[in-house]
Amino acid sequence: MLIKGDNLEVLSSFDDKIANLIYIDPPFNTGKKQTLHEISYEDQYENYKSFIVPRFEQAYRILALNGSLFVHLDYREVHYCKVWLDEIFGSYSFINEIIWVYDYGARSKSKWSAKHDNILFYAKNPKDYTFHYDEIERIPYMAPGLVGPEKAARGKTLTDTWWHTIVSPTARERTGYPTQKPLEILSRIIRVHTNPGDLVIDFFAGSGTTGEAAGRLGRKFILIDEHDAAIEIMKKRLKKWQEQTPEPEK
């Protein structure tokens, strides 16, 4: 389901404890206009806390008792959001900070170039949440000779550091949305942290990557965005799985 509207208003209308997984990629507060071709939006907030905290509170309310929240940010606001989420969920509900490392774009000549994003993982109940270890991909050992042929052939499971390219300008999955995230990053999260038929919610849905990953894996999804361009992109991208696209009441 796609819903166009202010996500805070839409979330406020949802019942408690309906989401098995919430993934959000909120504005990073870069202070810039994010633009690609004819699509653009302002990514600047005078008071980021007043914007994001009410949405975190709604996320906690609608999350199932064994549900998980993933918040995708970068260095600008992640440390503040970690503190605010600790206050809402409890610091004991913080499970991981995943570092997504990529290697694309310009290099700074005045500082170490920033080439990673931060993904905060919270469980509503840290003693009971969905985590399918066997669904984690395996990658080659850097020194296979140290572990023996059997382990080397099997590979090792991923850690909290994920090396993965951004969505290439020429990639088949490219939609034209300026901050689109890779399908495989979302698929990885959904495979490990949900079961078939579970409900995944993304209320900063953007290009709809969360919906495509969920649909491919047999999960239900609700995507929310207030921008016309995002809704049009998602309608085309998710036509196979989309149920309806209600407009907000006037």
C-alpha atoms as a PDB file:
ATOM      1  CA  MET A   1       0.000   0.000   0.000  1.00  0.00           C
ATOM      2  CA  LEU A   2       1.207   3.485  -0.894  1.00  0.00           C
ATOM      3  CA  ILE A   3      -0.052   6.457   1.091  1.00  0.00           C
ATOM      4  CA  LYS A   4       0.522  10.063   0.119  1.00  0.00           C
ATOM      5  CA  GLY A   5       0.522  12.507   3.013  1.00  0.00           C
ATOM      6  CA  ASP A   6       2.373  13.927   5.982  1.00  0.00           C
ATOM      7  CA  ASN A   7       3.848  10.877   7.660  1.00  0.00           C
ATOM      8  CA  LEU A   8       3.212  12.118  11.189  1.00  0.00           C
ATOM      9  CA  GLU A   9      -0.502  12.529  10.488  1.00  0.00           C
ATOM     10  CA  VAL A  10      -0.700   9.169   8.733  1.00  0.00           C
ATOM     11  CA  LEU A  11       1.179   7.326  11.478  1.00  0.00           C
ATOM     12  CA  SER A  12      -1.081   8.859  14.114  1.00  0.00           C
ATOM     13  CA  SER A  13      -4.038   7.140  12.442  1.00  0.00           C
ATOM     14  CA  PHE A  14      -2.501   3.648  12.633  1.00  0.00           C
ATOM     15  CA  ASP A  15      -3.336   1.093  15.312  1.00  0.00           C
ATOM     16  CA  ASP A  16      -0.760   0.121  17.918  1.00  0.00           C
ATOM     17  CA  LYS A  17       1.747  -2.696  17.324  1.00  0.00           C
ATOM     18  CA  ILE A  18       0.977  -3.381  13.656  1.00  0.00           C
ATOM     19  CA  ALA A  19       4.477  -3.287  12.131  1.00  0.00           C
ATOM     20  CA  ASN A  20       6.888  -6.201  12.294  1.00  0.00           C
ATOM     21  CA  LEU A  21       9.692  -4.086  10.846  1.00  0.00           C
ATOM     22  CA  ILE A  22      10.115  -0.364  10.318  1.00  0.00           C
ATOM     23  CA  TYR A  23      12.916   0.926   8.109  1.00  0.00           C
ATOM     24  CA  ILE A  24      13.277   4.650   7.529  1.00  0.00           C
ATOM     25  CA  ASP A  25      15.746   6.744   5.584  1.00  0.00           C
ATOM     26  CA  PRO A  26      14.810  10.199   6.877  1.00  0.00           C
ATOM     27  CA  PRO A  27      16.323  13.486   5.691  1.00  0.00           C
ATOM     28  CA  PHE A  28      19.990  13.747   6.707  1.00  0.00           C
ATOM     29  CA  ASN A  29      19.754  17.497   7.347  1.00  0.00           C
ATOM     30  CA  THR A  30      22.526  18.221   4.861  1.00  0.00           C
ATOM     31  CA  GLY A  31      21.510  21.856   4.515  1.00  0.00           C
ATOM     32  CA  LYS A  32      21.293  21.372   0.750  1.00  0.00           C
ATOM     33  CA  LYS A  33      18.648  20.794  -1.877  1.00  0.00           C
ATOM     34  CA  GLN A  34      18.717  17.147  -2.996  1.00  0.00           C
ATOM     35  CA  THR A  35      18.267  17.146  -6.763  1.00  0.00           C
ATOM     36  CA  LEU A  36      18.387  14.641  -9.584  1.00  0.00           C
ATOM     37  CA  HIS A  37      17.013  15.646 -12.966  1.00  0.00           C
ATOM     38  CA  GLU A  38      13.587  17.245 -12.326  1.00  0.00           C
ATOM     39  CA  ILE A  39      13.167  15.810  -8.799  1.00  0.00           C
ATOM     40  CA  SER A  40      14.289  17.848  -5.793  1.00  0.00           C
ATOM     41  CA  TYR A  41      13.538  18.501  -2.139  1.00  0.00           C
ATOM     42  CA  GLU A  42      14.973  20.677   0.604  1.00  0.00           C
ATOM     43  CA  ASP A  43      17.046  18.789   3.178  1.00  0.00           C
ATOM     44  CA  GLN A  44      17.378  21.445   5.866  1.00  0.00           C
ATOM     45  CA  TYR A  45      15.712  21.796   9.279  1.00  0.00           C
ATOM     46  CA  GLU A  46      16.219  24.551  11.831  1.00  0.00           C
ATOM     47  CA  ASN A  47      15.169  22.206  14.625  1.00  0.00           C
ATOM     48  CA  TYR A  48      15.770  18.631  13.552  1.00  0.00           C
ATOM     49  CA  LYS A  49      14.772  17.269  16.960  1.00  0.00           C
ATOM     50  CA  SER A  50      11.268  18.738  16.824  1.00  0.00           C
ATOM     51  CA  PHE A  51      10.860  17.214  13.367  1.00  0.00           C
ATOM     52  CA  ILE A  52      12.158  13.688  13.946  1.00  0.00           C
ATOM     53  CA  VAL A  53      11.367  12.832  17.589  1.00  0.00           C
ATOM     54  CA  PRO A  54       7.540  12.764  17.205  1.00  0.00           C
ATOM     55  CA  ARG A  55       8.019  10.389  14.294  1.00  0.00           C
ATOM     56  CA  PHE A  56      10.295   8.160  16.380  1.00  0.00           C
ATOM     57  CA  GLU A  57       7.597   8.111  19.058  1.00  0.00           C
ATOM     58  CA  GLN A  58       4.988   6.998  16.545  1.00  0.00           C
ATOM     59  CA  ALA A  59       7.360   4.332  15.251  1.00  0.00           C
ATOM     60  CA  TYR A  60       7.674   2.930  18.763  1.00  0.00           C
ATOM     61  CA  ARG A  61       3.900   2.909  19.213  1.00  0.00           C
ATOM     62  CA  ILE A  62       3.091   1.068  15.987  1.00  0.00           C
ATOM     63  CA  LEU A  63       5.948  -1.429  16.255  1.00  0.00           C
ATOM     64  CA  ALA A  64       4.967  -4.984  17.234  1.00  0.00           C
ATOM     65  CA  LEU A  65       6.271  -6.296  20.542  1.00  0.00           C
ATOM     66  CA  ASN A  66       8.883  -8.395  18.742  1.00  0.00           C
ATOM     67  CA  GLY A  67       9.464  -5.825  16.002  1.00  0.00           C
ATOM     68  CA  SER A  68      12.610  -3.998  14.942  1.00  0.00           C
ATOM     69  CA  LEU A  69      13.388  -0.440  13.845  1.00  0.00           C
ATOM     70  CA  PHE A  70      16.164   0.523  11.424  1.00  0.00           C
ATOM     71  CA  VAL A  71      17.030   4.217  11.048  1.00  0.00           C
ATOM     72  CA  HIS A  72      19.360   5.101   8.169  1.00  0.00           C
ATOM     73  CA  LEU A  73      21.371   8.312   8.662  1.00  0.00           C
ATOM     74  CA  ASP A  74      24.872   9.705   8.291  1.00  0.00           C
ATOM     75  CA  TYR A  75      27.392  11.499  10.498  1.00  0.00           C
ATOM     76  CA  ARG A  76      25.426  14.754  10.685  1.00  0.00           C
ATOM     77  CA  GLU A  77      22.546  13.654  12.937  1.00  0.00           C
ATOM     78  CA  VAL A  78      23.158  10.020  13.875  1.00  0.00           C
ATOM     79  CA  HIS A  79      24.676  10.786  17.302  1.00  0.00           C
ATOM     80  CA  TYR A  80      21.708  12.969  18.260  1.00  0.00           C
ATOM     81  CA  CYS A  81      19.193  10.428  16.979  1.00  0.00           C
ATOM     82  CA  LYS A  82      20.915   7.689  18.963  1.00  0.00           C
ATOM     83  CA  VAL A  83      20.333   9.678  22.167  1.00  0.00           C
ATOM     84  CA  TRP A  84      16.700  10.445  21.302  1.00  0.00           C
ATOM     85  CA  LEU A  85      15.984   6.831  20.374  1.00  0.00           C
ATOM     86  CA  ASP A  86      17.584   5.651  23.616  1.00  0.00           C
ATOM     87  CA  GLU A  87      15.132   7.881  25.470  1.00  0.00           C
ATOM     88  CA  ILE A  88      12.130   6.485  23.572  1.00  0.00           C
ATOM     89  CA  PHE A  89      13.042   2.795  23.275  1.00  0.00           C
ATOM     90  CA  GLY A  90      15.415   2.536  26.232  1.00  0.00           C
ATOM     91  CA  SER A  91      19.168   2.204  25.756  1.00  0.00           C
ATOM     92  CA  TYR A  92      18.838  -1.539  26.384  1.00  0.00           C
ATOM     93  CA  SER A  93      16.826  -1.818  23.146  1.00  0.00           C
ATOM     94  CA  PHE A  94      19.755  -0.638  21.037  1.00  0.00           C
ATOM     95  CA  ILE A  95      21.178  -3.718  19.285  1.00  0.00           C
ATOM     96  CA  ASN A  96      23.589  -2.550  16.565  1.00  0.00           C
ATOM     97  CA  GLU A  97      24.985   0.345  14.625  1.00  0.00           C
ATOM     98  CA  ILE A  98      25.556  -0.930  11.100  1.00  0.00           C
ATOM     99  CA  ILE A  99      28.094   0.913   8.989  1.00  0.00           C
ATOM    100  CA  TRP A 100      27.370   0.858   5.270  1.00  0.00           C
ATOM    101  CA  VAL A 101      30.592   1.621   3.407  1.00  0.00           C
ATOM    102  CA  TYR A 102      30.635   2.600  -0.257  1.00  0.00           C
ATOM    103  CA  ASP A 103      33.270   3.980  -2.611  1.00  0.00           C
ATOM    104  CA  TYR A 104      31.821   6.466  -5.041  1.00  0.00           C
ATOM    105  CA  GLY A 105      31.872  10.213  -5.603  1.00  0.00           C
ATOM    106  CA  ALA A 106      34.236  13.091  -5.014  1.00  0.00           C
ATOM    107  CA  ARG A 107      37.244  13.025  -2.693  1.00  0.00           C
ATOM    108  CA  SER A 108      37.936  15.819  -0.224  1.00  0.00           C
ATOM    109  CA  LYS A 109      41.359  17.485  -0.221  1.00  0.00           C
ATOM    110  CA  SER A 110      40.896  19.034   3.228  1.00  0.00           C
ATOM    111  CA  LYS A 111      39.671  16.075   5.353  1.00  0.00           C
ATOM    112  CA  TRP A 112      39.105  12.311   5.298  1.00  0.00           C
ATOM    113  CA  SER A 113      36.380  11.770   2.716  1.00  0.00           C
ATOM    114  CA  ALA A 114      33.056  10.608   4.194  1.00  0.00           C
ATOM    115  CA  LYS A 115      32.115   7.347   2.459  1.00  0.00           C
ATOM    116  CA  HIS A 116      29.766   5.605   4.857  1.00  0.00           C
ATOM    117  CA  ASP A 117      26.245   5.790   6.275  1.00  0.00           C
ATOM    118  CA  ASN A 118      25.039   4.718   9.726  1.00  0.00           C
ATOM    119  CA  ILE A 119      22.045   2.420  10.287  1.00  0.00           C
ATOM    120  CA  LEU A 120      20.759   2.235  13.870  1.00  0.00           C
ATOM    121  CA  PHE A 121      19.016  -1.018  14.816  1.00  0.00           C
ATOM    122  CA  TYR A 122      16.612  -1.080  17.780  1.00  0.00           C
ATOM    123  CA  ALA A 123      14.432  -3.956  18.985  1.00  0.00           C
ATOM    124  CA  LYS A 124      11.271  -3.086  20.870  1.00  0.00           C
ATOM    125  CA  ASN A 125      11.985  -6.072  23.112  1.00  0.00           C
ATOM    126  CA  PRO A 126      15.720  -6.882  23.084  1.00  0.00           C
ATOM    127  CA  LYS A 127      14.950 -10.350  24.463  1.00  0.00           C
ATOM    128  CA  ASP A 128      12.484 -11.223  21.712  1.00  0.00           C
ATOM    129  CA  TYR A 129      12.963 -10.016  18.157  1.00  0.00           C
ATOM    130  CA  THR A 130      13.162 -11.625  14.732  1.00  0.00           C
ATOM    131  CA  PHE A 131      16.687 -12.481  13.638  1.00  0.00           C
ATOM    132  CA  HIS A 132      17.273 -15.270  11.118  1.00  0.00           C
ATOM    133  CA  TYR A 133      20.979 -16.014  11.346  1.00  0.00           C
ATOM    134  CA  ASP A 134      20.817 -18.534   8.509  1.00  0.00           C
ATOM    135  CA  GLU A 135      19.573 -15.810   6.156  1.00  0.00           C
ATOM    136  CA  ILE A 136      22.763 -13.771   6.516  1.00  0.00           C
ATOM    137  CA  GLU A 137      24.869 -13.847   3.363  1.00  0.00           C
ATOM    138  CA  ARG A 138      28.330 -15.325   3.513  1.00  0.00           C
ATOM    139  CA  ILE A 139      31.364 -13.548   2.141  1.00  0.00           C
ATOM    140  CA  PRO A 140      34.924 -14.733   1.440  1.00  0.00           C
ATOM    141  CA  TYR A 141      37.520 -14.749   4.205  1.00  0.00           C
ATOM    142  CA  MET A 142      40.268 -12.185   3.682  1.00  0.00           C
ATOM    143  CA  ALA A 143      42.865 -14.797   4.703  1.00  0.00           C
ATOM    144  CA  PRO A 144      41.292 -18.155   3.755  1.00  0.00           C
ATOM    145  CA  GLY A 145      44.530 -20.001   4.460  1.00  0.00           C
ATOM    146  CA  LEU A 146      44.115 -19.285   8.172  1.00  0.00           C
ATOM    147  CA  VAL A 147      40.740 -21.033   8.539  1.00  0.00           C
ATOM    148  CA  GLY A 148      41.101 -24.218   6.521  1.00  0.00           C
ATOM    149  CA  PRO A 149      39.455 -25.350   3.279  1.00  0.00           C
ATOM    150  CA  GLU A 150      36.022 -26.202   4.727  1.00  0.00           C
ATOM    151  CA  LYS A 151      35.490 -22.802   6.349  1.00  0.00           C
ATOM    152  CA  ALA A 152      37.045 -21.034   3.389  1.00  0.00           C
ATOM    153  CA  ALA A 153      34.598 -22.730   1.014  1.00  0.00           C
ATOM    154  CA  ARG A 154      31.625 -21.843   3.259  1.00  0.00           C
ATOM    155  CA  GLY A 155      32.699 -18.238   3.800  1.00  0.00           C
ATOM    156  CA  LYS A 156      31.936 -16.076   6.812  1.00  0.00           C
ATOM    157  CA  THR A 157      28.796 -14.236   7.853  1.00  0.00           C
ATOM    158  CA  LEU A 158      28.551 -10.480   7.545  1.00  0.00           C
ATOM    159  CA  THR A 159      29.343  -8.291  10.535  1.00  0.00           C
ATOM    160  CA  ASP A 160      28.070  -4.799  11.367  1.00  0.00           C
ATOM    161  CA  THR A 161      30.188  -3.331   8.547  1.00  0.00           C
ATOM    162  CA  TRP A 162      28.628  -3.705   5.092  1.00  0.00           C
ATOM    163  CA  TRP A 163      30.626  -2.966   1.946  1.00  0.00           C
ATOM    164  CA  HIS A 164      28.231  -2.297  -0.912  1.00  0.00           C
ATOM    165  CA  THR A 165      28.203   0.134  -3.808  1.00  0.00           C
ATOM    166  CA  ILE A 166      25.616   2.886  -4.081  1.00  0.00           C
ATOM    167  CA  VAL A 167      22.967   2.685  -6.796  1.00  0.00           C
ATOM    168  CA  SER A 168      24.911   3.298  -9.973  1.00  0.00           C
ATOM    169  CA  PRO A 169      23.592   5.962 -12.365  1.00  0.00           C
ATOM    170  CA  THR A 170      23.390   3.194 -14.981  1.00  0.00           C
ATOM    171  CA  ALA A 171      21.942   0.459 -12.737  1.00  0.00           C
ATOM    172  CA  ARG A 172      18.721  -1.267 -13.819  1.00  0.00           C
ATOM    173  CA  GLU A 173      17.169  -0.520 -10.423  1.00  0.00           C
ATOM    174  CA  ARG A 174      17.797   3.233 -10.774  1.00  0.00           C
ATOM    175  CA  THR A 175      14.544   5.208 -10.543  1.00  0.00           C
ATOM    176  CA  GLY A 176      15.777   8.785 -10.805  1.00  0.00           C
ATOM    177  CA  TYR A 177      15.087   9.570  -7.140  1.00  0.00           C
ATOM    178  CA  PRO A 178      18.058  11.541  -5.718  1.00  0.00           C
ATOM    179  CA  THR A 179      18.664   9.575  -2.494  1.00  0.00           C
ATOM    180  CA  GLN A 180      17.723   6.059  -3.635  1.00  0.00           C
ATOM    181  CA  LYS A 181      19.246   3.254  -1.555  1.00  0.00           C
ATOM    182  CA  PRO A 182      20.373  -0.120  -2.985  1.00  0.00           C
ATOM    183  CA  LEU A 183      17.812  -2.899  -3.214  1.00  0.00           C
ATOM    184  CA  GLU A 184      20.235  -5.431  -1.737  1.00  0.00           C
ATOM    185  CA  ILE A 185      20.733  -3.373   1.466  1.00  0.00           C
ATOM    186  CA  LEU A 186      16.975  -3.390   2.116  1.00  0.00           C
ATOM    187  CA  SER A 187      16.617  -7.020   1.066  1.00  0.00           C
ATOM    188  CA  ARG A 188      19.316  -8.001   3.545  1.00  0.00           C
ATOM    189  CA  ILE A 189      17.507  -6.280   6.419  1.00  0.00           C
ATOM    190  CA  ILE A 190      14.091  -7.679   5.499  1.00  0.00           C
ATOM    191  CA  ARG A 191      15.313 -11.260   4.959  1.00  0.00           C
ATOM    192  CA  VAL A 192      16.969 -11.418   8.368  1.00  0.00           C
ATOM    193  CA  HIS A 193      14.472  -9.445  10.457  1.00  0.00           C
ATOM    194  CA  THR A 194      11.052 -10.550   9.178  1.00  0.00           C
ATOM    195  CA  ASN A 195       9.054 -13.640   8.252  1.00  0.00           C
ATOM    196  CA  PRO A 196       7.026 -14.187   5.079  1.00  0.00           C
ATOM    197  CA  GLY A 197       3.731 -12.332   5.364  1.00  0.00           C
ATOM    198  CA  ASP A 198       5.031  -9.829   7.926  1.00  0.00           C
ATOM    199  CA  LEU A 199       4.259  -6.127   7.572  1.00  0.00           C
ATOM    200  CA  VAL A 200       7.109  -3.731   6.750  1.00  0.00           C
ATOM    201  CA  ILE A 201       6.556   0.027   7.044  1.00  0.00           C
ATOM    202  CA  ASP A 202       8.699   2.824   5.591  1.00  0.00           C
ATOM    203  CA  PHE A 203       7.358   6.312   6.236  1.00  0.00           C
ATOM    204  CA  PHE A 204      10.109   8.176   4.358  1.00  0.00           C
ATOM    205  CA  ALA A 205       9.571   5.940   1.363  1.00  0.00           C
ATOM    206  CA  GLY A 206      11.200   8.015  -1.394  1.00  0.00           C
ATOM    207  CA  SER A 207      11.969   5.763  -4.336  1.00  0.00           C
ATOM    208  CA  GLY A 208      10.158   2.740  -2.860  1.00  0.00           C
ATOM    209  CA  THR A 209      13.171   0.453  -2.429  1.00  0.00           C
ATOM    210  CA  THR A 210      11.728  -0.898   0.843  1.00  0.00           C
ATOM    211  CA  GLY A 211       8.509  -1.849  -0.917  1.00  0.00           C
ATOM    212  CA  GLU A 212      10.236  -3.642  -3.770  1.00  0.00           C
ATOM    213  CA  ALA A 213      12.472  -5.582  -1.379  1.00  0.00           C
ATOM    214  CA  ALA A 214       9.468  -6.527   0.765  1.00  0.00           C
ATOM    215  CA  GLY A 215       7.352  -7.517  -2.226  1.00  0.00           C
ATOM    216  CA  ARG A 216      10.069  -9.691  -3.743  1.00  0.00           C
ATOM    217  CA  LEU A 217      10.461 -11.494  -0.400  1.00  0.00           C
ATOM    218  CA  GLY A 218       6.748 -12.111   0.163  1.00  0.00           C
ATOM    219  CA  ARG A 219       6.244  -9.467   2.864  1.00  0.00           C
ATOM    220  CA  LYS A 220       3.446  -6.909   3.025  1.00  0.00           C
ATOM    221  CA  PHE A 221       4.377  -3.227   3.026  1.00  0.00           C
ATOM    222  CA  ILE A 222       3.034   0.237   3.706  1.00  0.00           C
ATOM    223  CA  LEU A 223       4.982   3.117   2.195  1.00  0.00           C
ATOM    224  CA  ILE A 224       4.326   6.771   3.064  1.00  0.00           C
ATOM    225  CA  ASP A 225       5.629   9.890   1.348  1.00  0.00           C
ATOM    226  CA  GLU A 226       4.262  13.387   0.843  1.00  0.00           C
ATOM    227  CA  HIS A 227       6.059  14.241  -2.395  1.00  0.00           C
ATOM    228  CA  ASP A 228       4.247  13.836  -5.704  1.00  0.00           C
ATOM    229  CA  ALA A 229       7.417  12.754  -7.511  1.00  0.00           C
ATOM    230  CA  ALA A 230       8.077   9.976  -5.008  1.00  0.00           C
ATOM    231  CA  ILE A 231       4.521   8.664  -5.235  1.00  0.00           C
ATOM    232  CA  GLU A 232       4.637   8.604  -9.040  1.00  0.00           C
ATOM    233  CA  ILE A 233       7.969   6.745  -9.020  1.00  0.00           C
ATOM    234  CA  MET A 234       6.643   4.201  -6.540  1.00  0.00           C
ATOM    235  CA  LYS A 235       3.399   3.666  -8.472  1.00  0.00           C
ATOM    236  CA  LYS A 236       5.407   2.600 -11.511  1.00  0.00           C
ATOM    237  CA  ARG A 237       8.015   0.641  -9.608  1.00  0.00           C
ATOM    238  CA  LEU A 238       5.640  -1.263  -7.334  1.00  0.00           C
ATOM    239  CA  LYS A 239       2.662  -1.806  -9.624  1.00  0.00           C
ATOM    240  CA  LYS A 240       3.036  -5.582  -9.259  1.00  0.00           C
ATOM    241  CA  TRP A 241       2.491  -5.462  -5.484  1.00  0.00           C
ATOM    242  CA  GLN A 242       0.558  -2.216  -4.955  1.00  0.00           C
ATOM    243  CA  GLU A 243      -2.956  -2.483  -3.512  1.00  0.00           C
ATOM    244  CA  GLN A 244      -4.034   1.139  -3.507  1.00  0.00           C
ATOM    245  CA  THR A 245      -2.754   4.677  -3.252  1.00  0.00           C
ATOM    246  CA  PRO A 246      -5.161   6.641  -1.063  1.00  0.00           C
ATOM    247  CA  GLU A 247      -4.998  10.396  -1.039  1.00  0.00           C
ATOM    248  CA  PRO A 248      -5.090  12.217   2.296  1.00  0.00           C
ATOM    249  CA  GLU A 249      -8.446  13.663   3.260  1.00  0.00           C
ATOM    250  CA  LYS A 250      -8.840  17.377   2.576  1.00  0.00           C
END
